[in-house]
Each structure stands twice: as C-alpha cells, then as structure tokens.
C-alpha cells in the first residue's frame, strides 16, 4: 500500500513538472518574458525626419532583451512630438524630437517603463 501512495505522489510531481516546463516553453520565464508574445509596437504617425530638428541619445540601464527595448521605445514614442528607436546591443535610445527635448521628461518616460537613463546627450539632428 505504501508503494502505491509513493508512486502516486511521484506521478503527480512528474506531471506538475512537465506542465510547468511546457508552460514556460510556450509563455516565458526569462527576465521579462522574452518568450512571451512580443509587446505591441507603438508607431509614430509622423515619420518625416525633416520634422524632427532635435535629437537626444540616451544610454539605458537595465535592458536585457528585445522586449525590454520595445518597452522603452514605446514609452518614449507615447510622448508628443517624439520618434524613438532603441537598440538592445548598444543599450541606447535615439530620440528625434520636434521641439528642444526636455531631459527630465525623457528620463521619466524611461523610468516609467521600468528602466533608467544613465546618460542623455541632446543636439540638433544631423550634427554629430
């Protein structure tokens, strides 16, 4: 009788472990769900670069995957008059702005997405 109970407990544990493994393989389990369905991209309606005379380059801390980059990019693109693109490999956000960018507003948008802007350089677009 004891062997049957031990066998049933072992079978239940194996079934639970298999279910968890399958769930993680389908849904995620990484830093912020990099295996989950991708975060939907916020698109900017005005994609004419000539309308964005200013540029800010932010160094972003805490990003570890493409979903992290997409979250930062979306947070910045929700700002009025901003067109951002974020690269995970360089850990930078390139932000084109229609007006002189306010560093505090950009940093707050990054912070609200759960990350930190460790550096911010502002210049007129096209100047290096």
N, C-alpha and C. Protein backbone atom coordinates (compact mmCIF):
# COMPACT_ATOMS: atom_id res chain seq x y z
N UNK A 1 0.82 -1.20 0.00
CA UNK A 1 0.00 0.00 0.00
C UNK A 1 0.86 1.26 0.00
N UNK A 2 1.95 1.26 0.78
CA UNK A 2 2.87 2.40 0.85
C UNK A 2 3.52 2.68 -0.50
N UNK A 3 3.84 1.62 -1.26
CA UNK A 3 4.46 1.80 -2.57
C UNK A 3 3.50 2.49 -3.55
N UNK A 4 2.22 2.19 -3.44
CA UNK A 4 1.22 2.78 -4.33
C UNK A 4 1.11 4.29 -4.04
N UNK A 5 1.09 4.65 -2.77
CA UNK A 5 0.99 6.06 -2.39
C UNK A 5 2.23 6.82 -2.86
N UNK A 6 3.41 6.25 -2.65
CA UNK A 6 4.65 6.88 -3.11
C UNK A 6 4.64 7.01 -4.63
N UNK A 7 4.15 6.00 -5.33
CA UNK A 7 4.06 6.04 -6.79
C UNK A 7 3.13 7.13 -7.27
N UNK A 8 1.98 7.28 -6.61
CA UNK A 8 1.03 8.32 -6.98
C UNK A 8 1.60 9.72 -6.74
N UNK A 9 2.29 9.89 -5.63
CA UNK A 9 2.91 11.19 -5.34
C UNK A 9 3.98 11.50 -6.37
N UNK A 10 4.80 10.49 -6.71
CA UNK A 10 5.85 10.69 -7.72
C UNK A 10 5.23 11.02 -9.08
N UNK A 11 4.15 10.37 -9.45
CA UNK A 11 3.48 10.64 -10.72
C UNK A 11 2.92 12.06 -10.74
N UNK A 12 2.35 12.49 -9.61
CA UNK A 12 1.80 13.85 -9.53
C UNK A 12 2.89 14.89 -9.66
N UNK A 13 4.04 14.67 -9.02
CA UNK A 13 5.16 15.61 -9.11
C UNK A 13 5.70 15.67 -10.53
N UNK A 14 5.83 14.53 -11.19
CA UNK A 14 6.32 14.48 -12.58
C UNK A 14 5.34 15.19 -13.50
N UNK A 15 4.03 14.97 -13.31
CA UNK A 15 3.03 15.63 -14.14
C UNK A 15 3.08 17.15 -13.95
N UNK A 16 3.21 17.60 -12.69
CA UNK A 16 3.30 19.03 -12.42
C UNK A 16 4.55 19.64 -13.07
N UNK A 17 5.69 18.97 -12.94
CA UNK A 17 6.94 19.46 -13.52
C UNK A 17 6.84 19.54 -15.04
N UNK A 18 6.23 18.54 -15.66
CA UNK A 18 6.06 18.55 -17.12
C UNK A 18 5.16 19.71 -17.55
N UNK A 19 4.10 19.93 -16.81
CA UNK A 19 3.18 21.03 -17.12
C UNK A 19 3.90 22.38 -17.02
N UNK A 20 4.68 22.58 -15.96
CA UNK A 20 5.42 23.83 -15.77
C UNK A 20 6.43 24.03 -16.90
N UNK A 21 7.12 22.99 -17.28
CA UNK A 21 8.12 23.08 -18.35
C UNK A 21 7.46 23.48 -19.66
N UNK A 22 6.34 22.86 -19.98
CA UNK A 22 5.62 23.18 -21.22
C UNK A 22 5.11 24.62 -21.17
N UNK A 23 4.57 25.03 -20.03
CA UNK A 23 4.06 26.40 -19.89
C UNK A 23 5.17 27.42 -20.09
N UNK A 24 6.32 27.18 -19.50
CA UNK A 24 7.44 28.12 -19.65
C UNK A 24 7.96 28.14 -21.07
N UNK A 25 7.97 26.99 -21.72
CA UNK A 25 8.44 26.93 -23.11
C UNK A 25 7.52 27.74 -24.02
N UNK A 26 6.23 27.75 -23.71
CA UNK A 26 5.26 28.49 -24.52
C UNK A 26 5.17 29.96 -24.14
N UNK A 27 5.18 30.27 -22.87
CA UNK A 27 4.90 31.62 -22.38
C UNK A 27 6.12 32.45 -22.04
N UNK A 28 7.05 31.90 -21.37
CA UNK A 28 8.18 32.71 -20.96
C UNK A 28 8.78 32.20 -19.68
N UNK A 29 9.54 33.01 -19.06
CA UNK A 29 10.22 32.63 -17.85
C UNK A 29 11.56 33.31 -17.74
N UNK A 30 11.84 34.20 -18.68
CA UNK A 30 13.10 34.91 -18.65
C UNK A 30 12.97 36.20 -17.87
N UNK A 31 13.83 37.14 -18.16
CA UNK A 31 13.90 38.38 -17.39
C UNK A 31 12.57 39.11 -17.35
N UNK A 32 11.95 39.28 -18.48
CA UNK A 32 10.68 40.00 -18.52
C UNK A 32 9.74 39.34 -19.51
N UNK A 33 9.90 38.06 -19.70
CA UNK A 33 9.01 37.34 -20.60
C UNK A 33 9.44 37.40 -22.04
N UNK A 34 10.74 37.27 -22.30
CA UNK A 34 11.20 37.37 -23.67
C UNK A 34 10.62 36.29 -24.55
N UNK A 35 10.10 35.22 -23.95
CA UNK A 35 9.47 34.18 -24.77
C UNK A 35 7.97 34.40 -24.87
N UNK A 36 7.46 35.42 -24.19
CA UNK A 36 6.05 35.74 -24.30
C UNK A 36 5.82 36.43 -25.63
N UNK A 37 4.56 36.57 -25.96
CA UNK A 37 4.22 37.27 -27.18
C UNK A 37 4.83 38.67 -27.12
N UNK A 38 5.39 39.12 -28.21
CA UNK A 38 6.09 40.40 -28.23
C UNK A 38 5.16 41.55 -27.86
N UNK A 39 5.72 42.53 -27.17
CA UNK A 39 4.98 43.73 -26.82
C UNK A 39 4.66 44.45 -28.12
N UNK A 40 3.41 44.87 -28.27
CA UNK A 40 2.99 45.55 -29.48
C UNK A 40 3.70 46.90 -29.60
N UNK A 41 4.17 47.20 -30.79
CA UNK A 41 4.94 48.41 -31.02
C UNK A 41 4.03 49.62 -31.18
N UNK A 42 4.39 50.71 -30.50
CA UNK A 42 3.71 51.99 -30.65
C UNK A 42 4.33 52.67 -31.87
N UNK A 43 3.51 52.94 -32.87
CA UNK A 43 4.03 53.55 -34.08
C UNK A 43 3.80 55.06 -34.05
N UNK A 44 4.71 55.76 -34.65
CA UNK A 44 4.67 57.22 -34.72
C UNK A 44 3.99 57.59 -36.04
N UNK A 45 3.02 58.49 -35.99
CA UNK A 45 2.28 58.84 -37.21
C UNK A 45 3.12 59.69 -38.16
N UNK A 46 3.93 60.61 -37.64
CA UNK A 46 4.76 61.47 -38.48
C UNK A 46 6.15 60.85 -38.58
N UNK A 47 6.45 60.24 -39.74
CA UNK A 47 7.74 59.59 -39.92
C UNK A 47 8.64 60.36 -40.89
N UNK A 48 8.42 61.65 -41.00
CA UNK A 48 9.26 62.50 -41.83
C UNK A 48 10.38 63.07 -40.95
N UNK A 49 11.58 62.60 -41.17
CA UNK A 49 12.73 63.00 -40.34
C UNK A 49 12.97 64.51 -40.37
N UNK A 50 12.57 65.17 -41.43
CA UNK A 50 12.77 66.62 -41.53
C UNK A 50 11.96 67.38 -40.48
N UNK A 51 10.93 66.76 -39.94
CA UNK A 51 10.09 67.41 -38.93
C UNK A 51 10.67 67.30 -37.52
N UNK A 52 11.81 66.65 -37.40
CA UNK A 52 12.43 66.41 -36.09
C UNK A 52 13.82 67.05 -36.06
N UNK A 53 13.93 68.34 -35.75
CA UNK A 53 15.22 69.02 -35.81
C UNK A 53 16.15 68.73 -34.63
N UNK A 54 15.66 68.08 -33.59
CA UNK A 54 16.50 67.81 -32.42
C UNK A 54 16.62 66.31 -32.19
N UNK A 55 17.73 65.97 -31.54
CA UNK A 55 17.98 64.57 -31.26
C UNK A 55 18.56 64.42 -29.85
N UNK A 56 18.12 63.40 -29.17
CA UNK A 56 18.69 63.04 -27.87
C UNK A 56 19.10 61.59 -27.94
N UNK A 57 20.25 61.29 -27.38
CA UNK A 57 20.71 59.91 -27.30
C UNK A 57 20.82 59.57 -25.82
N UNK A 58 20.03 58.58 -25.41
CA UNK A 58 20.01 58.17 -24.01
C UNK A 58 20.66 56.80 -23.87
N UNK A 59 21.49 56.65 -22.87
CA UNK A 59 22.02 55.35 -22.51
C UNK A 59 21.06 54.76 -21.49
N UNK A 60 20.60 53.54 -21.76
CA UNK A 60 19.56 52.93 -20.93
C UNK A 60 20.15 51.78 -20.12
N UNK A 61 19.89 51.79 -18.83
CA UNK A 61 20.34 50.72 -17.95
C UNK A 61 19.19 49.78 -17.62
N UNK A 62 19.50 48.50 -17.53
CA UNK A 62 18.52 47.51 -17.11
C UNK A 62 17.88 46.71 -18.22
N UNK A 63 18.14 47.06 -19.48
CA UNK A 63 17.56 46.30 -20.59
C UNK A 63 18.37 45.02 -20.81
N UNK A 64 17.66 43.91 -20.99
CA UNK A 64 18.36 42.64 -21.23
C UNK A 64 17.85 41.89 -22.44
N UNK A 65 16.73 42.32 -23.04
CA UNK A 65 16.19 41.59 -24.19
C UNK A 65 15.44 42.56 -25.11
N UNK A 66 14.96 42.03 -26.22
CA UNK A 66 14.23 42.85 -27.19
C UNK A 66 12.92 43.40 -26.62
N UNK A 67 12.26 42.64 -25.74
CA UNK A 67 11.05 43.16 -25.13
C UNK A 67 11.35 44.35 -24.24
N UNK A 68 12.50 44.33 -23.57
CA UNK A 68 12.91 45.48 -22.76
C UNK A 68 13.05 46.71 -23.67
N UNK A 69 13.76 46.54 -24.78
CA UNK A 69 13.98 47.63 -25.72
C UNK A 69 12.65 48.15 -26.26
N UNK A 70 11.72 47.24 -26.57
CA UNK A 70 10.42 47.65 -27.09
C UNK A 70 9.63 48.44 -26.05
N UNK A 71 9.73 48.06 -24.78
CA UNK A 71 9.03 48.79 -23.73
C UNK A 71 9.56 50.22 -23.61
N UNK A 72 10.87 50.38 -23.66
CA UNK A 72 11.47 51.73 -23.58
C UNK A 72 11.07 52.54 -24.81
N UNK A 73 11.18 51.93 -25.99
CA UNK A 73 10.81 52.62 -27.23
C UNK A 73 9.35 53.06 -27.20
N UNK A 74 8.47 52.19 -26.76
CA UNK A 74 7.05 52.54 -26.67
C UNK A 74 6.80 53.68 -25.70
N UNK A 75 7.46 53.66 -24.56
CA UNK A 75 7.29 54.72 -23.56
C UNK A 75 7.71 56.07 -24.14
N UNK A 76 8.81 56.09 -24.88
CA UNK A 76 9.26 57.33 -25.49
C UNK A 76 8.35 57.75 -26.64
N UNK A 77 7.92 56.80 -27.46
CA UNK A 77 7.07 57.13 -28.61
C UNK A 77 5.68 57.60 -28.20
N UNK A 78 5.28 57.36 -26.97
CA UNK A 78 4.00 57.87 -26.49
C UNK A 78 4.08 59.37 -26.17
N UNK A 79 5.27 59.90 -26.05
CA UNK A 79 5.44 61.34 -25.80
C UNK A 79 5.08 62.11 -27.07
N UNK A 80 4.52 63.27 -26.90
CA UNK A 80 4.12 64.12 -28.02
C UNK A 80 5.35 64.67 -28.74
N UNK A 81 5.39 64.56 -30.06
CA UNK A 81 6.48 65.13 -30.85
C UNK A 81 7.78 64.37 -30.76
N UNK A 82 7.71 63.07 -30.46
CA UNK A 82 8.91 62.26 -30.27
C UNK A 82 8.84 61.03 -31.17
N UNK A 83 9.99 60.67 -31.74
CA UNK A 83 10.13 59.45 -32.54
C UNK A 83 11.40 58.77 -32.05
N UNK A 84 11.24 57.65 -31.37
CA UNK A 84 12.37 56.96 -30.75
C UNK A 84 12.63 55.60 -31.38
N UNK A 85 13.89 55.22 -31.35
CA UNK A 85 14.27 53.84 -31.70
C UNK A 85 15.32 53.41 -30.69
N UNK A 86 15.19 52.18 -30.21
CA UNK A 86 16.05 51.67 -29.16
C UNK A 86 16.77 50.43 -29.66
N UNK A 87 18.07 50.37 -29.39
CA UNK A 87 18.87 49.21 -29.78
C UNK A 87 19.39 48.53 -28.52
N UNK A 88 19.08 47.25 -28.41
CA UNK A 88 19.49 46.49 -27.24
C UNK A 88 21.00 46.27 -27.23
N UNK A 89 21.61 46.10 -28.40
CA UNK A 89 23.04 45.80 -28.45
C UNK A 89 23.90 46.95 -27.94
N UNK A 90 23.49 48.17 -28.23
CA UNK A 90 24.26 49.34 -27.76
C UNK A 90 23.66 49.92 -26.48
N UNK A 91 22.48 49.44 -26.09
CA UNK A 91 21.77 49.92 -24.92
C UNK A 91 21.51 51.43 -25.00
N UNK A 92 21.16 51.87 -26.21
CA UNK A 92 20.91 53.30 -26.43
C UNK A 92 19.54 53.51 -27.07
N UNK A 93 18.97 54.66 -26.74
CA UNK A 93 17.74 55.12 -27.37
C UNK A 93 18.09 56.37 -28.16
N UNK A 94 17.77 56.35 -29.44
CA UNK A 94 17.95 57.54 -30.28
C UNK A 94 16.57 58.16 -30.41
N UNK A 95 16.44 59.39 -29.92
CA UNK A 95 15.14 60.04 -29.83
C UNK A 95 15.16 61.31 -30.68
N UNK A 96 14.35 61.32 -31.74
CA UNK A 96 14.19 62.51 -32.57
C UNK A 96 13.03 63.31 -31.99
N UNK A 97 13.19 64.63 -31.93
CA UNK A 97 12.19 65.49 -31.29
C UNK A 97 11.85 66.68 -32.17
N UNK A 98 10.58 67.06 -32.14
CA UNK A 98 10.13 68.22 -32.90
C UNK A 98 10.48 69.53 -32.19
N UNK A 99 10.61 69.49 -30.88
CA UNK A 99 10.99 70.67 -30.08
C UNK A 99 12.21 70.29 -29.25
N UNK A 100 12.85 71.30 -28.67
CA UNK A 100 14.00 71.03 -27.82
C UNK A 100 13.58 70.03 -26.75
N UNK A 101 14.23 68.87 -26.69
CA UNK A 101 13.80 67.85 -25.73
C UNK A 101 14.12 68.23 -24.29
N UNK A 102 13.19 67.92 -23.42
CA UNK A 102 13.41 68.13 -22.00
C UNK A 102 13.96 66.83 -21.43
N UNK A 103 15.18 66.88 -20.96
CA UNK A 103 15.85 65.69 -20.45
C UNK A 103 15.04 65.02 -19.34
N UNK A 104 14.44 65.81 -18.47
CA UNK A 104 13.68 65.23 -17.36
C UNK A 104 12.47 64.45 -17.86
N UNK A 105 11.82 64.93 -18.91
CA UNK A 105 10.65 64.24 -19.47
C UNK A 105 11.09 62.91 -20.10
N UNK A 106 12.20 62.93 -20.83
CA UNK A 106 12.69 61.71 -21.45
C UNK A 106 13.10 60.69 -20.39
N UNK A 107 13.80 61.15 -19.37
CA UNK A 107 14.23 60.24 -18.29
C UNK A 107 13.02 59.66 -17.55
N UNK A 108 12.00 60.46 -17.34
CA UNK A 108 10.80 59.99 -16.65
C UNK A 108 10.06 58.94 -17.49
N UNK A 109 10.01 59.12 -18.79
CA UNK A 109 9.37 58.13 -19.65
C UNK A 109 10.10 56.79 -19.57
N UNK A 110 11.43 56.84 -19.59
CA UNK A 110 12.23 55.62 -19.46
C UNK A 110 12.01 54.98 -18.09
N UNK A 111 11.98 55.81 -17.05
CA UNK A 111 11.76 55.30 -15.70
C UNK A 111 10.38 54.66 -15.56
N UNK A 112 9.38 55.26 -16.18
CA UNK A 112 8.02 54.71 -16.09
C UNK A 112 7.91 53.35 -16.78
N UNK A 113 8.82 53.08 -17.71
CA UNK A 113 8.84 51.77 -18.37
C UNK A 113 9.60 50.74 -17.55
N UNK A 114 10.26 51.21 -16.46
CA UNK A 114 10.95 50.28 -15.58
C UNK A 114 12.46 50.23 -15.76
N UNK A 115 13.02 51.23 -16.43
CA UNK A 115 14.45 51.25 -16.72
C UNK A 115 15.02 52.60 -16.29
N UNK A 116 16.31 52.80 -16.49
CA UNK A 116 16.92 54.05 -16.07
C UNK A 116 17.78 54.60 -17.22
N UNK A 117 17.65 55.90 -17.45
CA UNK A 117 18.50 56.58 -18.43
C UNK A 117 19.73 57.07 -17.68
N UNK A 118 20.87 56.45 -17.94
CA UNK A 118 22.08 56.79 -17.21
C UNK A 118 22.82 57.97 -17.82
N UNK A 119 22.53 58.29 -19.07
CA UNK A 119 23.20 59.39 -19.75
C UNK A 119 22.24 59.95 -20.79
N UNK A 120 22.29 61.24 -21.03
CA UNK A 120 21.44 61.88 -22.03
C UNK A 120 22.24 62.97 -22.72
N UNK A 121 22.38 62.86 -24.03
CA UNK A 121 23.08 63.86 -24.83
C UNK A 121 22.09 64.45 -25.83
N UNK A 122 21.93 65.76 -25.82
CA UNK A 122 20.99 66.44 -26.70
C UNK A 122 21.77 67.27 -27.71
N UNK A 123 21.30 67.25 -28.95
CA UNK A 123 21.94 68.05 -30.01
C UNK A 123 20.92 68.27 -31.12
N UNK A 124 21.27 69.15 -32.05
CA UNK A 124 20.44 69.33 -33.22
C UNK A 124 20.62 68.10 -34.11
N UNK A 125 19.52 67.58 -34.66
CA UNK A 125 19.59 66.39 -35.50
C UNK A 125 20.49 66.65 -36.70
N UNK A 126 21.22 65.64 -37.08
CA UNK A 126 22.14 65.76 -38.21
C UNK A 126 23.53 66.16 -37.82
N UNK A 127 23.71 66.76 -36.63
CA UNK A 127 25.05 67.12 -36.15
C UNK A 127 25.61 66.01 -35.30
N UNK A 128 26.84 65.73 -35.45
CA UNK A 128 27.48 64.65 -34.70
C UNK A 128 28.50 65.19 -33.79
